[in-house]
C-alpha atoms as a PDB file:
ATOM      1  CA  MET A   1     -50.444 -47.049 -31.034  1.00  0.00           C
ATOM      2  CA  SER A   2     -50.515 -50.815 -30.513  1.00  0.00           C
ATOM      3  CA  GLN A   3     -49.661 -52.077 -27.080  1.00  0.00           C
ATOM      4  CA  HIS A   4     -47.390 -55.048 -26.579  1.00  0.00           C
ATOM      5  CA  PRO A   5     -47.895 -57.424 -23.661  1.00  0.00           C
ATOM      6  CA  ALA A   6     -45.363 -57.301 -20.871  1.00  0.00           C
ATOM      7  CA  PRO A   7     -42.591 -59.871 -21.119  1.00  0.00           C
ATOM      8  CA  SER A   8     -43.737 -63.182 -19.719  1.00  0.00           C
ATOM      9  CA  THR A   9     -42.093 -64.619 -16.659  1.00  0.00           C
ATOM     10  CA  PRO A  10     -40.813 -68.212 -16.752  1.00  0.00           C
ATOM     11  CA  ARG A  11     -43.717 -70.590 -16.326  1.00  0.00           C
ATOM     12  CA  SER A  12     -43.954 -72.802 -13.291  1.00  0.00           C
ATOM     13  CA  LEU A  13     -42.968 -76.421 -13.842  1.00  0.00           C
ATOM     14  CA  GLN A  14     -45.815 -77.566 -11.598  1.00  0.00           C
ATOM     15  CA  GLU A  15     -47.428 -80.776 -12.865  1.00  0.00           C
ATOM     16  CA  THR A  16     -44.573 -81.451 -15.295  1.00  0.00           C
ATOM     17  CA  VAL A  17     -42.361 -84.533 -15.317  1.00  0.00           C
ATOM     18  CA  ALA A  18     -38.617 -84.340 -15.874  1.00  0.00           C
ATOM     19  CA  VAL A  19     -36.179 -87.172 -16.545  1.00  0.00           C
ATOM     20  CA  VAL A  20     -32.560 -86.464 -15.586  1.00  0.00           C
ATOM     21  CA  THR A  21     -29.769 -88.866 -16.533  1.00  0.00           C
ATOM     22  CA  GLY A  22     -26.513 -88.844 -14.621  1.00  0.00           C
ATOM     23  CA  ALA A  23     -28.529 -87.416 -11.748  1.00  0.00           C
ATOM     24  CA  GLY A  24     -26.418 -88.645  -8.851  1.00  0.00           C
ATOM     25  CA  THR A  25     -23.648 -86.055  -8.859  1.00  0.00           C
ATOM     26  CA  GLY A  26     -22.456 -82.786 -10.358  1.00  0.00           C
ATOM     27  CA  ILE A  27     -24.634 -80.990 -12.887  1.00  0.00           C
ATOM     28  CA  GLY A  28     -27.249 -83.738 -12.931  1.00  0.00           C
ATOM     29  CA  ARG A  29     -27.732 -83.515  -9.183  1.00  0.00           C
ATOM     30  CA  ALA A  30     -27.941 -79.728  -9.200  1.00  0.00           C
ATOM     31  CA  ALA A  31     -30.338 -79.702 -12.145  1.00  0.00           C
ATOM     32  CA  ALA A  32     -32.627 -82.338 -10.637  1.00  0.00           C
ATOM     33  CA  ILE A  33     -32.920 -80.364  -7.407  1.00  0.00           C
ATOM     34  CA  ALA A  34     -33.519 -77.112  -9.321  1.00  0.00           C
ATOM     35  CA  LEU A  35     -36.218 -78.671 -11.520  1.00  0.00           C
ATOM     36  CA  ALA A  36     -37.934 -80.149  -8.473  1.00  0.00           C
ATOM     37  CA  GLY A  37     -37.734 -76.773  -6.741  1.00  0.00           C
ATOM     38  CA  ALA A  38     -39.634 -75.282  -9.673  1.00  0.00           C
ATOM     39  CA  GLY A  39     -42.394 -77.861  -9.241  1.00  0.00           C
ATOM     40  CA  ALA A  40     -41.418 -80.718 -11.550  1.00  0.00           C
ATOM     41  CA  ARG A  41     -41.640 -84.350 -10.549  1.00  0.00           C
ATOM     42  CA  VAL A  42     -38.209 -85.756 -11.318  1.00  0.00           C
ATOM     43  CA  ALA A  43     -37.054 -89.210 -12.385  1.00  0.00           C
ATOM     44  CA  LEU A  44     -33.421 -89.768 -11.396  1.00  0.00           C
ATOM     45  CA  SER A  45     -31.294 -92.045 -13.581  1.00  0.00           C
ATOM     46  CA  GLY A  46     -27.718 -93.125 -12.945  1.00  0.00           C
ATOM     47  CA  ARG A  47     -25.526 -96.164 -12.529  1.00  0.00           C
ATOM     48  CA  ARG A  48     -25.117 -95.954  -8.724  1.00  0.00           C
ATOM     49  CA  PRO A  49     -28.229 -96.222  -6.525  1.00  0.00           C
ATOM     50  CA  GLY A  50     -26.636 -94.558  -3.472  1.00  0.00           C
ATOM     51  CA  PRO A  51     -26.115 -91.073  -4.914  1.00  0.00           C
ATOM     52  CA  LEU A  52     -29.547 -91.193  -6.567  1.00  0.00           C
ATOM     53  CA  GLU A  53     -31.190 -91.968  -3.237  1.00  0.00           C
ATOM     54  CA  GLU A  54     -29.360 -89.020  -1.673  1.00  0.00           C
ATOM     55  CA  VAL A  55     -30.646 -86.674  -4.398  1.00  0.00           C
ATOM     56  CA  ALA A  56     -34.170 -88.063  -4.006  1.00  0.00           C
ATOM     57  CA  SER A  57     -33.987 -87.392  -0.264  1.00  0.00           C
ATOM     58  CA  ALA A  58     -32.883 -83.800  -0.900  1.00  0.00           C
ATOM     59  CA  ILE A  59     -35.817 -83.318  -3.285  1.00  0.00           C
ATOM     60  CA  GLN A  60     -38.303 -84.828  -0.859  1.00  0.00           C
ATOM     61  CA  GLN A  61     -37.032 -82.635   1.959  1.00  0.00           C
ATOM     62  CA  GLN A  62     -37.974 -79.570  -0.092  1.00  0.00           C
ATOM     63  CA  GLY A  63     -41.461 -81.000  -0.707  1.00  0.00           C
ATOM     64  CA  GLY A  64     -40.789 -82.476  -4.143  1.00  0.00           C
ATOM     65  CA  GLU A  65     -41.405 -85.874  -5.674  1.00  0.00           C
ATOM     66  CA  ALA A  66     -38.681 -88.098  -7.108  1.00  0.00           C
ATOM     67  CA  LEU A  67     -38.403 -91.526  -8.699  1.00  0.00           C
ATOM     68  CA  VAL A  68     -35.084 -93.379  -8.417  1.00  0.00           C
ATOM     69  CA  MET A  69     -34.269 -95.547 -11.450  1.00  0.00           C
ATOM     70  CA  PRO A  70     -30.713 -96.920 -11.410  1.00  0.00           C
ATOM     71  CA  GLY A  71     -29.538 -97.969 -14.843  1.00  0.00           C
ATOM     72  CA  ASP A  72     -27.064 -97.543 -17.674  1.00  0.00           C
ATOM     73  CA  VAL A  73     -28.325 -95.389 -20.543  1.00  0.00           C
ATOM     74  CA  SER A  74     -25.746 -96.930 -22.889  1.00  0.00           C
ATOM     75  CA  ASP A  75     -27.958-100.050 -22.863  1.00  0.00           C
ATOM     76  CA  PRO A  76     -31.065 -99.317 -24.986  1.00  0.00           C
ATOM     77  CA  HIS A  77     -33.114-101.840 -22.996  1.00  0.00           C
ATOM     78  CA  GLU A  78     -32.315-100.050 -19.737  1.00  0.00           C
ATOM     79  CA  ALA A  79     -33.164 -96.705 -21.351  1.00  0.00           C
ATOM     80  CA  ASP A  80     -36.515 -98.173 -22.409  1.00  0.00           C
ATOM     81  CA  ALA A  81     -37.125 -99.433 -18.863  1.00  0.00           C
ATOM     82  CA  LEU A  82     -36.444 -95.960 -17.469  1.00  0.00           C
ATOM     83  CA  PHE A  83     -39.156 -94.349 -19.547  1.00  0.00           C
ATOM     84  CA  GLN A  84     -41.584 -97.211 -18.994  1.00  0.00           C
ATOM     85  CA  ALA A  85     -41.231 -96.725 -15.241  1.00  0.00           C
ATOM     86  CA  VAL A  86     -41.771 -92.963 -15.585  1.00  0.00           C
ATOM     87  CA  LEU A  87     -44.935 -93.481 -17.625  1.00  0.00           C
ATOM     88  CA  GLU A  88     -46.254 -96.055 -15.159  1.00  0.00           C
ATOM     89  CA  ARG A  89     -45.640 -93.644 -12.283  1.00  0.00           C
ATOM     90  CA  TRP A  90     -46.699 -90.313 -13.784  1.00  0.00           C
ATOM     91  CA  GLY A  91     -48.102 -90.932 -17.273  1.00  0.00           C
ATOM     92  CA  ARG A  92     -46.132 -88.255 -19.110  1.00  0.00           C
ATOM     93  CA  VAL A  93     -42.676 -86.888 -19.951  1.00  0.00           C
ATOM     94  CA  ASP A  94     -42.243 -83.127 -20.342  1.00  0.00           C
ATOM     95  CA  ILE A  95     -38.497 -82.577 -19.917  1.00  0.00           C
ATOM     96  CA  LEU A  96     -35.499 -84.764 -20.660  1.00  0.00           C
ATOM     97  CA  LEU A  97     -32.051 -83.704 -19.530  1.00  0.00           C
ATOM     98  CA  ASN A  98     -29.422 -85.868 -21.233  1.00  0.00           C
ATOM     99  CA  ASN A  99     -26.628 -85.298 -18.752  1.00  0.00           C
ATOM    100  CA  ALA A 100     -25.038 -88.748 -18.301  1.00  0.00           C
ATOM    101  CA  GLY A 101     -21.444 -88.564 -19.434  1.00  0.00           C
ATOM    102  CA  ILE A 102     -18.079 -90.197 -18.867  1.00  0.00           C
ATOM    103  CA  ASN A 103     -14.473 -89.760 -19.865  1.00  0.00           C
ATOM    104  CA  THR A 104     -11.333 -91.842 -19.431  1.00  0.00           C
ATOM    105  CA  ARG A 105      -7.900 -91.082 -18.055  1.00  0.00           C
ATOM    106  CA  ALA A 106      -6.160 -92.105 -21.307  1.00  0.00           C
ATOM    107  CA  ARG A 107      -8.022 -89.988 -23.833  1.00  0.00           C
ATOM    108  CA  ASN A 108      -5.821 -88.934 -26.740  1.00  0.00           C
ATOM    109  CA  ILE A 109      -5.596 -90.643 -30.117  1.00  0.00           C
ATOM    110  CA  HIS A 110      -2.227 -92.230 -29.334  1.00  0.00           C
ATOM    111  CA  ASP A 111      -3.223 -93.784 -26.009  1.00  0.00           C
ATOM    112  CA  ILE A 112      -6.995 -94.354 -25.824  1.00  0.00           C
ATOM    113  CA  SER A 113      -8.006 -98.003 -26.062  1.00  0.00           C
ATOM    114  CA  LEU A 114     -10.720 -99.194 -28.418  1.00  0.00           C
ATOM    115  CA  GLU A 115     -12.765-100.276 -25.399  1.00  0.00           C
ATOM    116  CA  ASP A 116     -12.549 -96.808 -23.843  1.00  0.00           C
ATOM    117  CA  TRP A 117     -13.482 -95.146 -27.151  1.00  0.00           C
ATOM    118  CA  GLN A 118     -16.520 -97.383 -27.524  1.00  0.00           C
ATOM    119  CA  GLN A 119     -17.668 -96.828 -23.937  1.00  0.00           C
ATOM    120  CA  VAL A 120     -17.423 -93.020 -24.101  1.00  0.00           C
ATOM    121  CA  ILE A 121     -19.380 -92.940 -27.364  1.00  0.00           C
ATOM    122  CA  ALA A 122     -21.908 -95.443 -25.983  1.00  0.00           C
ATOM    123  CA  VAL A 123     -22.710 -93.404 -22.868  1.00  0.00           C
ATOM    124  CA  ASN A 124     -22.340 -89.816 -24.068  1.00  0.00           C
ATOM    125  CA  LEU A 125     -23.795 -90.071 -27.569  1.00  0.00           C
ATOM    126  CA  SER A 126     -25.712 -93.324 -27.974  1.00  0.00           C
ATOM    127  CA  GLY A 127     -27.227 -92.991 -24.490  1.00  0.00           C
ATOM    128  CA  SER A 128     -28.518 -89.515 -25.376  1.00  0.00           C
ATOM    129  CA  PHE A 129     -30.011 -90.895 -28.581  1.00  0.00           C
ATOM    130  CA  TYR A 130     -31.700 -93.841 -26.845  1.00  0.00           C
ATOM    131  CA  CYS A 131     -33.271 -91.572 -24.215  1.00  0.00           C
ATOM    132  CA  ALA A 132     -34.303 -88.895 -26.704  1.00  0.00           C
ATOM    133  CA  ARG A 133     -35.974 -91.446 -28.948  1.00  0.00           C
ATOM    134  CA  LYS A 134     -38.001 -92.879 -26.081  1.00  0.00           C
ATOM    135  CA  ALA A 135     -38.926 -89.449 -24.730  1.00  0.00           C
ATOM    136  CA  LEU A 136     -40.071 -88.352 -28.172  1.00  0.00           C
ATOM    137  CA  GLU A 137     -42.587 -91.189 -28.378  1.00  0.00           C
ATOM    138  CA  THR A 138     -44.483 -89.666 -25.452  1.00  0.00           C
ATOM    139  CA  MET A 139     -43.787 -86.028 -26.296  1.00  0.00           C
ATOM    140  CA  ARG A 140     -45.275 -86.504 -29.764  1.00  0.00           C
ATOM    141  CA  ARG A 141     -48.504 -87.827 -28.244  1.00  0.00           C
ATOM    142  CA  GLN A 142     -48.553 -84.885 -25.838  1.00  0.00           C
ATOM    143  CA  ARG A 143     -47.622 -82.460 -28.645  1.00  0.00           C
ATOM    144  CA  ARG A 144     -45.145 -80.733 -26.346  1.00  0.00           C
ATOM    145  CA  GLY A 145     -41.824 -81.401 -24.700  1.00  0.00           C
ATOM    146  CA  THR A 146     -38.310 -80.123 -24.088  1.00  0.00           C
ATOM    147  CA  ILE A 147     -35.075 -82.061 -24.565  1.00  0.00           C
ATOM    148  CA  ILE A 148     -31.888 -80.543 -23.153  1.00  0.00           C
ATOM    149  CA  ASN A 149     -28.548 -82.046 -24.113  1.00  0.00           C
ATOM    150  CA  LEU A 150     -25.732 -81.197 -21.716  1.00  0.00           C
ATOM    151  CA  VAL A 151     -22.918 -80.934 -24.252  1.00  0.00           C
ATOM    152  CA  SER A 152     -19.562 -79.240 -23.558  1.00  0.00           C
ATOM    153  CA  GLY A 153     -17.227 -76.655 -24.965  1.00  0.00           C
ATOM    154  CA  ALA A 154     -15.452 -79.703 -26.398  1.00  0.00           C
ATOM    155  CA  GLY A 155     -18.480 -80.175 -28.644  1.00  0.00           C
ATOM    156  CA  LYS A 156     -17.566 -76.935 -30.393  1.00  0.00           C
ATOM    157  CA  ARG A 157     -13.784 -77.236 -30.349  1.00  0.00           C
ATOM    158  CA  ALA A 158     -11.933 -80.497 -29.764  1.00  0.00           C
ATOM    159  CA  GLY A 159      -8.780 -80.492 -27.686  1.00  0.00           C
ATOM    160  CA  ALA A 160      -6.233 -82.615 -25.882  1.00  0.00           C
ATOM    161  CA  ILE A 161      -7.703 -81.963 -22.414  1.00  0.00           C
ATOM    162  CA  PRO A 162     -11.160 -83.451 -23.133  1.00  0.00           C
ATOM    163  CA  GLY A 163      -9.681 -85.953 -25.585  1.00  0.00           C
ATOM    164  CA  VAL A 164     -10.733 -87.469 -28.867  1.00  0.00           C
ATOM    165  CA  ALA A 165     -13.652 -89.672 -27.789  1.00  0.00           C
ATOM    166  CA  TYR A 166     -15.232 -87.108 -25.471  1.00  0.00           C
ATOM    167  CA  SER A 167     -14.933 -84.330 -28.060  1.00  0.00           C
ATOM    168  CA  ALA A 168     -16.392 -86.519 -30.814  1.00  0.00           C
ATOM    169  CA  SER A 169     -19.249 -87.692 -28.605  1.00  0.00           C
ATOM    170  CA  LYS A 170     -20.141 -84.149 -27.611  1.00  0.00           C
ATOM    171  CA  ALA A 171     -20.061 -82.861 -31.186  1.00  0.00           C
ATOM    172  CA  GLY A 172     -22.439 -85.687 -32.043  1.00  0.00           C
ATOM    173  CA  GLN A 173     -24.685 -84.780 -29.124  1.00  0.00           C
ATOM    174  CA  ALA A 174     -24.924 -81.210 -30.419  1.00  0.00           C
ATOM    175  CA  SER A 175     -25.866 -82.574 -33.839  1.00  0.00           C
ATOM    176  CA  LEU A 176     -28.586 -84.648 -32.159  1.00  0.00           C
ATOM    177  CA  THR A 177     -30.073 -81.430 -30.780  1.00  0.00           C
ATOM    178  CA  GLU A 178     -30.143 -79.923 -34.268  1.00  0.00           C
ATOM    179  CA  SER A 179     -31.848 -83.018 -35.669  1.00  0.00           C
ATOM    180  CA  ILE A 180     -34.541 -82.930 -32.990  1.00  0.00           C
ATOM    181  CA  ASN A 181     -35.307 -79.290 -33.725  1.00  0.00           C
ATOM    182  CA  ALA A 182     -35.363 -79.926 -37.469  1.00  0.00           C
ATOM    183  CA  GLU A 183     -37.688 -82.920 -37.229  1.00  0.00           C
ATOM    184  CA  GLU A 184     -39.915 -82.336 -34.206  1.00  0.00           C
ATOM    185  CA  ARG A 185     -41.037 -78.705 -34.417  1.00  0.00           C
ATOM    186  CA  ALA A 186     -44.249 -79.859 -36.054  1.00  0.00           C
ATOM    187  CA  PHE A 187     -45.063 -81.641 -32.792  1.00  0.00           C
ATOM    188  CA  ASN A 188     -44.358 -78.535 -30.668  1.00  0.00           C
ATOM    189  CA  ILE A 189     -41.177 -80.153 -29.333  1.00  0.00           C
ATOM    190  CA  ARG A 190     -37.962 -78.207 -28.796  1.00  0.00           C
ATOM    191  CA  ALA A 191     -34.362 -79.061 -27.975  1.00  0.00           C
ATOM    192  CA  CYS A 192     -31.385 -77.164 -26.624  1.00  0.00           C
ATOM    193  CA  SER A 193     -27.655 -77.821 -26.431  1.00  0.00           C
ATOM    194  CA  ILE A 194     -25.904 -76.356 -23.415  1.00  0.00           C
ATOM    195  CA  PHE A 195     -22.157 -75.838 -23.892  1.00  0.00           C
ATOM    196  CA  PRO A 196     -20.499 -75.248 -20.510  1.00  0.00           C
ATOM    197  CA  GLY A 197     -16.882 -74.347 -20.093  1.00  0.00           C
ATOM    198  CA  GLU A 198     -14.997 -75.973 -17.247  1.00  0.00           C
ATOM    199  CA  VAL A 199     -17.294 -77.062 -14.403  1.00  0.00           C
ATOM    200  CA  ASP A 200     -16.076 -78.298 -11.027  1.00  0.00           C
ATOM    201  CA  THR A 201     -17.616 -81.779 -11.052  1.00  0.00           C
ATOM    202  CA  PRO A 202     -16.278 -85.265 -10.220  1.00  0.00           C
ATOM    203  CA  ILE A 203     -15.380 -85.933 -13.871  1.00  0.00           C
ATOM    204  CA  ILE A 204     -12.541 -83.407 -13.439  1.00  0.00           C
ATOM    205  CA  ASP A 205     -10.830 -85.955 -11.174  1.00  0.00           C
ATOM    206  CA  GLN A 206     -10.353 -88.243 -14.172  1.00  0.00           C
ATOM    207  CA  ARG A 207      -8.066 -85.829 -16.000  1.00  0.00           C
ATOM    208  CA  PRO A 208      -4.460 -86.957 -16.493  1.00  0.00           C
ATOM    209  CA  VAL A 209      -3.471 -83.778 -14.611  1.00  0.00           C
ATOM    210  CA  VAL A 210      -6.081 -82.879 -12.000  1.00  0.00           C
ATOM    211  CA  PRO A 211      -6.518 -79.089 -11.636  1.00  0.00           C
ATOM    212  CA  SER A 212      -5.581 -77.430  -8.358  1.00  0.00           C
ATOM    213  CA  ALA A 213      -8.149 -76.394  -5.774  1.00  0.00           C
ATOM    214  CA  GLU A 214      -7.626 -72.762  -6.796  1.00  0.00           C
ATOM    215  CA  ALA A 215      -8.275 -73.561 -10.454  1.00  0.00           C
ATOM    216  CA  ARG A 216     -11.401 -75.521  -9.587  1.00  0.00           C
ATOM    217  CA  ALA A 217     -12.714 -72.669  -7.461  1.00  0.00           C
ATOM    218  CA  ALA A 218     -12.582 -70.404 -10.520  1.00  0.00           C
ATOM    219  CA  MET A 219     -14.558 -72.876 -12.667  1.00  0.00           C
ATOM    220  CA  LEU A 220     -18.302 -72.859 -13.117  1.00  0.00           C
ATOM    221  CA  GLN A 221     -20.178 -74.646 -10.358  1.00  0.00           C
ATOM    222  CA  PRO A 222     -22.928 -77.197 -11.048  1.00  0.00           C
ATOM    223  CA  GLU A 223     -25.573 -74.778  -9.756  1.00  0.00           C
ATOM    224  CA  ASP A 224     -24.549 -72.247 -12.432  1.00  0.00           C
ATOM    225  CA  VAL A 225     -25.296 -74.705 -15.215  1.00  0.00           C
ATOM    226  CA  ALA A 226     -28.465 -75.873 -13.461  1.00  0.00           C
ATOM    227  CA  ALA A 227     -29.759 -72.292 -13.574  1.00  0.00           C
ATOM    228  CA  ALA A 228     -29.306 -72.274 -17.371  1.00  0.00           C
ATOM    229  CA  ILE A 229     -31.089 -75.633 -17.637  1.00  0.00           C
ATOM    230  CA  LEU A 230     -33.991 -74.303 -15.585  1.00  0.00           C
ATOM    231  CA  LEU A 231     -34.234 -71.224 -17.832  1.00  0.00           C
ATOM    232  CA  VAL A 232     -34.546 -73.417 -20.939  1.00  0.00           C
ATOM    233  CA  ALA A 233     -37.097 -75.733 -19.337  1.00  0.00           C
ATOM    234  CA  ALA A 234     -39.261 -72.983 -17.854  1.00  0.00           C
ATOM    235  CA  LEU A 235     -39.649 -70.730 -20.899  1.00  0.00           C
ATOM    236  CA  PRO A 236     -43.074 -70.819 -22.564  1.00  0.00           C
ATOM    237  CA  GLN A 237     -43.303 -73.689 -25.037  1.00  0.00           C
ATOM    238  CA  ARG A 238     -43.526 -71.249 -27.953  1.00  0.00           C
ATOM    239  CA  ALA A 239     -39.915 -70.180 -27.320  1.00  0.00           C
ATOM    240  CA  THR A 240     -36.924 -72.330 -28.248  1.00  0.00           C
ATOM    241  CA  ILE A 241     -33.396 -71.674 -27.047  1.00  0.00           C
ATOM    242  CA  GLU A 242     -31.372 -73.760 -29.466  1.00  0.00           C
ATOM    243  CA  ASP A 243     -28.052 -73.433 -27.664  1.00  0.00           C
ATOM    244  CA  ILE A 244     -26.407 -71.750 -24.700  1.00  0.00           C
ATOM    245  CA  THR A 245     -22.689 -71.260 -24.130  1.00  0.00           C
ATOM    246  CA  ILE A 246     -21.777 -70.616 -20.501  1.00  0.00           C
ATOM    247  CA  ARG A 247     -18.198 -70.083 -19.357  1.00  0.00           C
ATOM    248  CA  PRO A 248     -16.319 -69.029 -16.222  1.00  0.00           C
ATOM    249  CA  THR A 249     -15.918 -65.271 -15.993  1.00  0.00           C
ATOM    250  CA  THR A 250     -12.278 -65.505 -14.861  1.00  0.00           C
ATOM    251  CA  ALA A 251     -10.072 -68.078 -16.575  1.00  0.00           C
ATOM    252  CA  ARG A 252      -7.293 -69.700 -14.552  1.00  0.00           C
ATOM    253  CA  ASP A 253      -4.567 -72.138 -15.446  1.00  0.00           C
ATOM    254  CA  GLN A 254      -3.962 -75.532 -13.875  1.00  0.00           C
ATOM    255  CA  ARG A 255      -2.085 -73.902 -10.948  1.00  0.00           C
ATOM    256  CA  GLY A 256      -4.904 -71.487 -10.180  1.00  0.00           C
ATOM    257  CA  GLU A 257      -3.098 -68.425 -11.508  1.00  0.00           C
ATOM    258  CA  GLU A 258      -5.275 -65.937 -13.362  1.00  0.00           C
ATOM    259  CA  ARG A 259      -4.832 -65.944 -17.137  1.00  0.00           C
ATOM    260  CA  LEU A 260      -5.092 -62.415 -18.457  1.00  0.00           C
ATOM    261  CA  PRO A 261      -5.804 -61.649 -22.115  1.00  0.00           C
ATOM    262  CA  SER A 262      -2.580 -61.410 -24.140  1.00  0.00           C
END
């Protein structure tokens, strides 16, 4: 009888380099700290230096190494500068988490402005493309790498709550993941879309109707999604998780009242 090896445990991220966009708050912050805790050196990208410095301090306090790179990923030149700085500092890129994302208060077809539409698409979709393209240049030379796109349930099913631009941008981001896997497998590069349900992050405050404290308490927390990101990043390179859907166990309405199955 042939013997199969025991299931492998997630590999350490020691000596790897991770780039996290939107790293100052919410899921990006939690993921950056989790990746650093697993041994990765982490480059922190975001538009506001203050929150990035706070995350870097938290990483350094746990013995990790972080690089703060304020910038706007919707500008391809700033995305290029991010990866140039990472290569100058550490010489490689192993993990990219495309997490930077925005939404607007007016978000439905009848009330969203053209400027708001363009900005949401520019950050959520084009920014992911700009960063992925730059990361792939290095990952191809390394012949290994992992790109994780933080998508959304709205990327699978559009709705009035996320709005037209956000839903369209997230569906496009999921398609970007599929394209990376279709084109880059030959270079031992993998990509994953993560589709969270509602997560209690600052972007929730931009909703036309902000959920109650009780409703937010029942949502996923950033650390929950960070754990899924760490799972994808830490699996042996031979294994690809193409997508993960993660949702709150107990659904609640805007008032915090439990919604039972009908």
